[in-house]
């Protein structure tokens, strides 16, 4: 353990505030290469870093925890004899999955004491993520909440198979299960996700229309366009993390959600700055008050109606909204 502390420091020092690697020239990688003289481990890690981050983020719903997983992945990766590795991508995914599973079990206990509803940490994403429909769906707030209903191993198997298309044999090694068990877990997880995921594909136009209605409501206090889009069973979730004021429990039903919006949104008119953005692969709104980002609003739509509104206000989850986080599969 004594040798890991300087390695961890070198890795952290090479990351910018967004968690991405800094300058990727020889000087930028000098700290990493001190523990990797041939450069093979460093090159492979940097090549697949965005993929590894995406795997960890989809399993954990937290960018901060995903970055911790990547640090641990790096530390273990530098201890591997590179001459024995046939497929570096698969090997790195395997390490990342195991570390994420360990974190996931710990997070489950931590979230039991979380104040109010818990929502995934929102990420600004680039337009190319939205163009990959399957990737955008897999990192959406709605899907990440569905994945929260799975047991840790189910979540890992589902993500690796359905999102990243890994072979069952690779997944079995990553999660420490037999091939037969992994096939059964995958089948069970697909069924559970299928019961809860959005009922049909949502067009970009439908998403934009809903977000625009919310924007108008915040900027002008005119709510009717937004209220007309609420599904009868709509639910509103607010995540303040016990730091910012937010609804302490889910608000369910069009009438109750409409009442809450009618009371709250007009207060923001004229004071809040609203900026459309791509968050977790889909349209969203960044609501700003003087000097800070106050909240991020994302929506879930089914059959053209808003079935869920997700409002993240916890400041610890709003730190990655200055530039897009690269995710890939």
Protein backbone atom coordinates (compact mmCIF):
# COMPACT_ATOMS: atom_id res chain seq x y z
CA UNK A 1 0.00 0.00 0.00
CA UNK A 2 2.92 2.35 0.62
CA UNK A 3 3.73 2.50 -3.10
CA UNK A 4 0.18 3.38 -4.10
CA UNK A 5 0.04 6.84 -2.55
CA UNK A 6 2.51 8.56 -4.94
CA UNK A 7 0.99 6.73 -7.91
CA UNK A 8 -2.48 7.96 -6.93
CA UNK A 9 -1.11 11.49 -6.55
CA UNK A 10 0.50 11.41 -10.00
CA UNK A 11 -2.74 10.19 -11.53
CA UNK A 12 -4.80 12.89 -9.81
CA UNK A 13 -2.32 15.61 -10.72
CA UNK A 14 -2.69 14.75 -14.43
CA UNK A 15 -6.46 15.19 -14.37
CA UNK A 16 -8.18 18.48 -15.05
CA UNK A 17 -11.18 19.49 -12.88
CA UNK A 18 -13.48 17.56 -15.21
CA UNK A 19 -11.61 14.36 -14.49
CA UNK A 20 -10.17 14.08 -17.98
CA UNK A 21 -6.52 13.66 -18.70
CA UNK A 22 -4.52 16.82 -19.14
CA UNK A 23 -2.12 17.49 -22.00
CA UNK A 24 -1.39 14.19 -23.70
CA UNK A 25 2.11 14.83 -24.93
CA UNK A 26 5.21 13.21 -23.50
CA UNK A 27 5.53 15.81 -20.75
CA UNK A 28 1.89 15.41 -19.74
CA UNK A 29 2.38 11.68 -19.34
CA UNK A 30 5.75 11.83 -17.63
CA UNK A 31 4.25 11.16 -14.19
CA UNK A 32 2.37 8.12 -15.43
CA UNK A 33 5.37 6.73 -17.29
CA UNK A 34 7.48 6.78 -14.14
CA UNK A 35 5.61 3.63 -13.11
CA UNK A 36 5.27 2.40 -16.72
CA UNK A 37 8.67 2.63 -18.45
CA UNK A 38 7.49 0.98 -21.70
CA UNK A 39 4.42 3.19 -21.96
CA UNK A 40 2.18 0.26 -22.93
CA UNK A 41 -0.03 0.49 -19.85
CA UNK A 42 -0.33 4.27 -20.10
CA UNK A 43 -1.17 4.21 -23.79
CA UNK A 44 -3.87 1.57 -23.34
CA UNK A 45 -5.38 3.32 -20.33
CA UNK A 46 -5.56 6.70 -22.05
CA UNK A 47 -6.94 5.14 -25.23
CA UNK A 48 -9.82 3.54 -23.36
CA UNK A 49 -10.26 6.03 -20.55
CA UNK A 50 -13.53 7.53 -21.80
CA UNK A 51 -14.98 4.05 -22.25
CA UNK A 52 -13.92 3.03 -18.75
CA UNK A 53 -15.43 6.19 -17.29
CA UNK A 54 -18.70 5.48 -19.10
CA UNK A 55 -18.81 1.90 -17.78
CA UNK A 56 -18.22 3.10 -14.22
CA UNK A 57 -20.66 6.00 -14.49
CA UNK A 58 -23.47 3.82 -15.84
CA UNK A 59 -22.94 1.38 -13.01
CA UNK A 60 -22.73 4.04 -10.27
CA UNK A 61 -24.72 7.05 -11.47
CA UNK A 62 -22.01 9.28 -10.01
CA UNK A 63 -19.19 10.91 -11.93
CA UNK A 64 -17.19 11.50 -8.75
CA UNK A 65 -17.37 7.83 -7.81
CA UNK A 66 -16.60 6.84 -11.40
CA UNK A 67 -13.40 8.89 -11.21
CA UNK A 68 -12.46 7.09 -8.00
CA UNK A 69 -12.98 3.78 -9.79
CA UNK A 70 -10.71 4.91 -12.62
CA UNK A 71 -7.96 5.80 -10.16
CA UNK A 72 -8.18 2.35 -8.62
CA UNK A 73 -8.28 0.78 -12.08
CA UNK A 74 -5.07 2.62 -12.99
CA UNK A 75 -3.29 1.51 -9.84
CA UNK A 76 -4.13 -2.13 -10.50
CA UNK A 77 -3.42 -1.86 -14.21
CA UNK A 78 0.15 -0.65 -13.65
CA UNK A 79 0.81 -3.81 -11.63
CA UNK A 80 -0.15 -6.09 -14.54
CA UNK A 81 2.55 -7.72 -16.67
CA UNK A 82 1.66 -6.26 -20.07
CA UNK A 83 3.28 -9.17 -21.89
CA UNK A 84 0.56 -11.46 -20.53
CA UNK A 85 -2.37 -9.32 -21.74
CA UNK A 86 -3.89 -10.27 -25.08
CA UNK A 87 -6.80 -7.80 -25.12
CA UNK A 88 -6.03 -4.63 -23.16
CA UNK A 89 -9.51 -3.14 -23.64
CA UNK A 90 -11.22 -6.24 -22.23
CA UNK A 91 -8.74 -6.45 -19.35
CA UNK A 92 -9.29 -2.80 -18.40
CA UNK A 93 -13.06 -3.17 -18.58
CA UNK A 94 -12.74 -6.20 -16.32
CA UNK A 95 -10.78 -4.26 -13.69
CA UNK A 96 -13.15 -1.30 -13.91
CA UNK A 97 -16.20 -3.52 -13.53
CA UNK A 98 -14.83 -5.21 -10.42
CA UNK A 99 -13.94 -1.89 -8.82
CA UNK A 100 -17.33 -0.43 -9.71
CA UNK A 101 -19.10 -3.45 -8.21
CA UNK A 102 -17.21 -2.93 -4.98
CA UNK A 103 -18.20 0.75 -4.94
CA UNK A 104 -21.79 -0.06 -5.85
CA UNK A 105 -22.25 -2.20 -2.77
CA UNK A 106 -20.84 0.56 -0.59
CA UNK A 107 -22.99 3.21 -2.29
CA UNK A 108 -26.11 1.19 -1.55
CA UNK A 109 -25.47 1.60 2.16
CA UNK A 110 -24.60 5.28 1.77
CA UNK A 111 -27.78 6.09 -0.12
CA UNK A 112 -29.91 4.61 2.63
CA UNK A 113 -29.02 7.68 4.70
CA UNK A 114 -29.27 10.18 1.81
CA UNK A 115 -31.54 13.13 2.61
CA UNK A 116 -34.53 13.15 0.26
CA UNK A 117 -34.75 11.52 -3.17
CA UNK A 118 -31.46 10.54 -4.80
CA UNK A 119 -30.88 11.39 -8.47
CA UNK A 120 -27.87 10.58 -10.67
CA UNK A 121 -25.18 13.20 -11.07
CA UNK A 122 -25.97 15.13 -14.29
CA UNK A 123 -23.31 15.40 -17.00
CA UNK A 124 -23.05 17.85 -19.85
CA UNK A 125 -22.63 15.70 -22.95
CA UNK A 126 -21.58 16.44 -26.51
CA UNK A 127 -23.98 16.29 -29.50
CA UNK A 128 -22.43 13.03 -30.71
CA UNK A 129 -23.80 11.29 -27.60
CA UNK A 130 -27.35 12.32 -28.49
CA UNK A 131 -26.78 10.99 -32.02
CA UNK A 132 -26.02 7.53 -30.61
CA UNK A 133 -29.58 6.72 -29.55
CA UNK A 134 -28.68 3.62 -27.53
CA UNK A 135 -25.85 5.35 -25.67
CA UNK A 136 -28.01 8.40 -24.96
CA UNK A 137 -30.77 6.17 -23.62
CA UNK A 138 -28.34 4.25 -21.41
CA UNK A 139 -27.02 7.39 -19.66
CA UNK A 140 -30.35 9.21 -19.42
CA UNK A 141 -31.57 10.08 -15.95
CA UNK A 142 -34.62 7.88 -16.48
CA UNK A 143 -32.53 4.82 -17.40
CA UNK A 144 -30.00 5.34 -14.61
CA UNK A 145 -32.89 5.37 -12.15
CA UNK A 146 -34.21 2.14 -13.67
CA UNK A 147 -30.76 0.59 -13.24
CA UNK A 148 -30.88 1.58 -9.57
CA UNK A 149 -33.60 -1.05 -9.12
CA UNK A 150 -31.21 -3.86 -10.11
CA UNK A 151 -28.92 -5.77 -7.80
CA UNK A 152 -25.23 -4.84 -8.28
CA UNK A 153 -24.31 -7.90 -10.37
CA UNK A 154 -27.49 -7.57 -12.43
CA UNK A 155 -26.63 -3.96 -13.17
CA UNK A 156 -23.09 -4.83 -14.20
CA UNK A 157 -24.22 -7.65 -16.49
CA UNK A 158 -26.95 -5.55 -18.07
CA UNK A 159 -24.65 -2.59 -18.73
CA UNK A 160 -21.82 -4.70 -20.14
CA UNK A 161 -24.11 -6.76 -22.36
CA UNK A 162 -26.84 -4.38 -23.48
CA UNK A 163 -24.82 -1.17 -23.73
CA UNK A 164 -21.27 -2.25 -24.47
CA UNK A 165 -22.07 -5.52 -26.28
CA UNK A 166 -19.48 -7.58 -24.44
CA UNK A 167 -19.58 -11.34 -24.99
CA UNK A 168 -21.04 -13.41 -22.19
CA UNK A 169 -17.67 -15.05 -21.59
CA UNK A 170 -15.98 -11.68 -21.02
CA UNK A 171 -18.76 -10.62 -18.66
CA UNK A 172 -18.49 -13.88 -16.72
CA UNK A 173 -14.81 -13.21 -16.04
CA UNK A 174 -15.50 -9.57 -15.11
CA UNK A 175 -18.23 -10.36 -12.55
CA UNK A 176 -16.83 -13.67 -11.31
CA UNK A 177 -19.80 -15.81 -12.37
CA UNK A 178 -20.20 -18.87 -14.60
CA UNK A 179 -21.26 -18.43 -18.20
CA UNK A 180 -24.61 -20.07 -17.48
CA UNK A 181 -25.22 -17.82 -14.49
CA UNK A 182 -24.39 -14.69 -16.51
CA UNK A 183 -26.87 -15.65 -19.23
CA UNK A 184 -29.57 -16.13 -16.60
CA UNK A 185 -28.72 -12.83 -14.90
CA UNK A 186 -28.80 -11.01 -18.25
CA UNK A 187 -32.22 -12.46 -19.08
CA UNK A 188 -33.60 -11.49 -15.66
CA UNK A 189 -32.12 -7.98 -15.83
CA UNK A 190 -33.53 -7.37 -19.34
CA UNK A 191 -36.96 -8.31 -18.07
CA UNK A 192 -36.79 -6.03 -15.06
CA UNK A 193 -35.49 -3.09 -17.09
CA UNK A 194 -38.08 -3.69 -19.80
CA UNK A 195 -40.88 -3.34 -17.24
CA UNK A 196 -39.67 0.08 -16.12
CA UNK A 197 -37.97 1.79 -19.06
CA UNK A 198 -39.79 4.43 -21.17
CA UNK A 199 -42.53 2.81 -23.22
CA UNK A 200 -41.36 3.99 -26.62
CA UNK A 201 -38.77 6.02 -28.46
CA UNK A 202 -39.07 9.76 -27.89
CA UNK A 203 -38.30 12.00 -30.82
CA UNK A 204 -35.88 14.89 -30.48
CA UNK A 205 -38.74 17.23 -31.43
CA UNK A 206 -40.91 15.96 -28.55
CA UNK A 207 -38.06 16.43 -26.11
CA UNK A 208 -37.36 19.94 -27.36
CA UNK A 209 -41.05 20.88 -27.15
CA UNK A 210 -41.26 19.77 -23.52
CA UNK A 211 -38.02 21.50 -22.54
CA UNK A 212 -39.12 24.69 -24.31
CA UNK A 213 -42.42 24.64 -22.40
CA UNK A 214 -40.49 24.36 -19.14
CA UNK A 215 -38.16 27.17 -20.18
CA UNK A 216 -41.06 29.48 -20.94
CA UNK A 217 -42.62 28.65 -17.59
CA UNK A 218 -39.43 29.58 -15.72
CA UNK A 219 -38.70 32.74 -17.71
CA UNK A 220 -42.22 34.17 -17.97
CA UNK A 221 -44.30 32.44 -15.32
CA UNK A 222 -46.71 31.26 -18.04
CA UNK A 223 -47.29 27.62 -17.14
CA UNK A 224 -50.18 26.45 -19.28
CA UNK A 225 -48.02 25.08 -22.09
CA UNK A 226 -46.09 23.00 -19.56
CA UNK A 227 -49.14 21.86 -17.62
CA UNK A 228 -50.78 20.65 -20.84
CA UNK A 229 -47.89 18.19 -21.29
CA UNK A 230 -48.13 16.57 -17.87
CA UNK A 231 -49.19 12.91 -17.90
CA UNK A 232 -51.88 11.96 -15.35
CA UNK A 233 -49.36 9.86 -13.37
CA UNK A 234 -46.43 12.28 -13.68
CA UNK A 235 -43.89 12.26 -10.84
CA UNK A 236 -41.53 15.06 -9.79
CA UNK A 237 -38.29 14.25 -7.98
CA UNK A 238 -36.01 16.84 -6.45
CA UNK A 239 -32.48 16.17 -5.20
CA UNK A 240 -31.09 18.75 -2.82
CA UNK A 241 -28.92 16.33 -0.89
CA UNK A 242 -29.92 17.97 2.38
CA UNK A 243 -27.95 21.07 1.30
CA UNK A 244 -30.43 22.86 -0.95
CA UNK A 245 -34.19 23.04 -0.54
CA UNK A 246 -35.99 20.41 -2.62
CA UNK A 247 -39.17 18.36 -2.38
CA UNK A 248 -38.45 15.81 0.38
CA UNK A 249 -40.55 13.09 -1.23
CA UNK A 250 -41.69 12.27 -4.76
CA UNK A 251 -44.68 14.36 -5.86
CA UNK A 252 -47.06 12.15 -7.82
CA UNK A 253 -50.00 13.01 -10.06
CA UNK A 254 -50.69 15.82 -12.54
CA UNK A 255 -52.78 17.82 -10.09
CA UNK A 256 -50.20 17.81 -7.30
CA UNK A 257 -47.26 18.46 -9.66
CA UNK A 258 -49.18 21.28 -11.35
CA UNK A 259 -49.93 22.86 -7.97
CA UNK A 260 -46.26 22.69 -6.99
CA UNK A 261 -45.10 24.18 -10.28
CA UNK A 262 -47.76 26.90 -10.14
CA UNK A 263 -46.55 27.93 -6.69
CA UNK A 264 -42.82 27.72 -7.39
CA UNK A 265 -41.98 28.63 -10.97
CA UNK A 266 -43.47 32.15 -11.08
CA UNK A 267 -41.06 33.12 -8.29
CA UNK A 268 -38.16 32.49 -10.69
CA UNK A 269 -39.55 34.64 -13.51
CA UNK A 270 -37.28 37.60 -14.11
CA UNK A 271 -34.59 36.41 -11.70
CA UNK A 272 -33.40 33.06 -13.08
CA UNK A 273 -31.24 32.63 -16.17
CA UNK A 274 -32.29 29.55 -18.15
CA UNK A 275 -29.96 27.85 -20.60
CA UNK A 276 -30.84 24.84 -22.76
CA UNK A 277 -28.17 22.14 -22.71
CA UNK A 278 -27.53 18.52 -23.58
CA UNK A 279 -27.41 16.63 -20.30
CA UNK A 280 -26.93 12.87 -20.16
CA UNK A 281 -27.53 12.62 -23.86
CA UNK A 282 -30.79 14.56 -24.01
CA UNK A 283 -32.25 18.07 -23.86
CA UNK A 284 -32.25 19.70 -20.43
CA UNK A 285 -32.30 23.08 -18.75
CA UNK A 286 -29.64 24.68 -16.58
CA UNK A 287 -31.29 27.13 -14.23
CA UNK A 288 -28.96 29.78 -12.89
CA UNK A 289 -29.28 32.36 -10.17
CA UNK A 290 -26.77 35.20 -9.78
CA UNK A 291 -23.31 33.71 -9.47
CA UNK A 292 -24.22 30.04 -9.53
CA UNK A 293 -25.98 27.16 -11.23
CA UNK A 294 -29.06 26.57 -9.12
CA UNK A 295 -30.43 23.40 -10.67
CA UNK A 296 -30.53 21.05 -13.63
CA UNK A 297 -33.90 19.94 -14.99
CA UNK A 298 -34.33 16.83 -17.12
CA UNK A 299 -37.54 15.13 -18.19
CA UNK A 300 -38.86 11.70 -19.02
CA UNK A 301 -41.44 11.50 -21.79
CA UNK A 302 -43.78 8.66 -22.72
CA UNK A 303 -46.19 8.91 -25.65
CA UNK A 304 -45.48 12.63 -25.98
CA UNK A 305 -46.34 13.47 -22.35
CA UNK A 306 -44.06 14.26 -19.42
CA UNK A 307 -44.14 11.31 -17.02
CA UNK A 308 -41.27 12.48 -14.79
CA UNK A 309 -39.45 15.70 -13.94
CA UNK A 310 -36.02 15.42 -12.35
CA UNK A 311 -34.58 18.47 -10.62
CA UNK A 312 -31.02 18.23 -9.24
CA UNK A 313 -30.07 21.03 -6.84
CA UNK A 314 -27.41 19.33 -4.72
CA UNK A 315 -24.35 21.56 -5.36
CA UNK A 316 -22.01 18.58 -5.05
CA UNK A 317 -23.63 17.19 -8.20
CA UNK A 318 -23.42 20.40 -10.24
CA UNK A 319 -19.66 20.70 -10.55
CA UNK A 320 -19.28 19.10 -14.00
CA UNK A 321 -21.48 21.50 -15.93
CA UNK A 322 -18.90 23.88 -17.36
CA UNK A 323 -17.98 21.63 -20.30
CA UNK A 324 -18.98 18.36 -21.83
CA UNK A 325 -17.79 15.10 -20.28
CA UNK A 326 -16.63 12.68 -23.01
CA UNK A 327 -18.45 9.36 -22.84
CA UNK A 328 -18.34 6.56 -25.37
CA UNK A 329 -18.91 2.86 -25.85
